[in-house]
Amino acid sequence: MSFLKDEGGQGAAEYILLFGGVIVIAIAALLIYRAYFSSNSGLNAGQDVNTVRSSIPLNQ
């Protein structure tokens, strides 16, 4: 029963799971940003940029 105590491949499996989690988070972020910048969504990036620009006071 030495194969029950063998932990040689455990590190590789953990790296694969970690890498898979990073990929899932990256894909979710990509989908959110794509929805934000598309014209079909209710979100409007251009309007947000103009709102921020108009709220910044100019130092003259």
Protein backbone atom coordinates (compact mmCIF):
# COMPACT_ATOMS: atom_id res chain seq x y z
CA MET A 1 0.00 0.00 0.00
CA SER A 2 2.85 2.37 -0.69
CA PHE A 3 0.88 4.12 -3.44
CA LEU A 4 -1.44 5.62 -0.79
CA LYS A 5 1.49 7.46 0.78
CA ASP A 6 3.10 8.55 -2.50
CA GLU A 7 2.61 12.31 -2.89
CA GLY A 8 4.92 12.88 -5.85
CA GLY A 9 2.27 14.16 -8.26
CA GLN A 10 0.42 16.26 -5.72
CA GLY A 11 2.35 19.46 -6.50
CA ALA A 12 1.67 19.21 -10.23
CA ALA A 13 -2.04 18.65 -9.63
CA GLU A 14 -2.19 21.69 -7.36
CA TYR A 15 -0.51 23.85 -10.00
CA ILE A 16 -2.99 22.64 -12.62
CA LEU A 17 -5.92 23.52 -10.34
CA LEU A 18 -4.42 26.93 -9.60
CA PHE A 19 -3.83 27.64 -13.28
CA GLY A 20 -7.39 26.55 -14.08
CA GLY A 21 -8.76 28.93 -11.46
CA VAL A 22 -6.76 31.83 -12.90
CA ILE A 23 -8.09 31.04 -16.37
CA VAL A 24 -11.69 30.99 -15.12
CA ILE A 25 -11.25 34.38 -13.40
CA ALA A 26 -9.60 35.86 -16.51
CA ILE A 27 -12.43 34.67 -18.76
CA ALA A 28 -15.04 36.09 -16.36
CA ALA A 29 -13.24 39.45 -16.32
CA LEU A 30 -13.01 39.45 -20.11
CA LEU A 31 -16.75 38.81 -20.44
CA ILE A 32 -17.55 41.61 -17.99
CA TYR A 33 -15.32 44.10 -19.81
CA ARG A 34 -16.68 43.04 -23.19
CA ALA A 35 -20.24 43.60 -21.96
CA TYR A 36 -19.25 46.98 -20.52
CA PHE A 37 -17.74 48.28 -23.75
CA SER A 38 -20.33 46.87 -26.15
CA SER A 39 -23.08 49.19 -27.32
CA ASN A 40 -25.81 46.59 -26.70
CA SER A 41 -25.57 46.71 -22.92
CA GLY A 42 -27.18 49.30 -20.69
CA LEU A 43 -23.73 50.38 -19.54
CA ASN A 44 -22.10 53.22 -21.44
CA ALA A 45 -18.34 53.67 -21.07
CA GLY A 46 -18.28 56.87 -23.12
CA GLN A 47 -20.86 58.50 -20.90
CA ASP A 48 -18.93 57.46 -17.80
CA VAL A 49 -15.72 58.99 -19.18
CA ASN A 50 -17.49 62.27 -19.97
CA THR A 51 -19.02 62.35 -16.48
CA VAL A 52 -15.62 61.90 -14.86
CA ARG A 53 -14.01 64.52 -17.12
CA SER A 54 -16.69 67.09 -16.34
CA SER A 55 -16.43 66.49 -12.59
CA ILE A 56 -12.68 67.20 -12.43
CA PRO A 57 -12.01 70.87 -11.66
CA LEU A 58 -9.41 72.60 -13.79
CA ASN A 59 -6.64 74.47 -11.97
CA GLN A 60 -6.05 77.72 -13.77
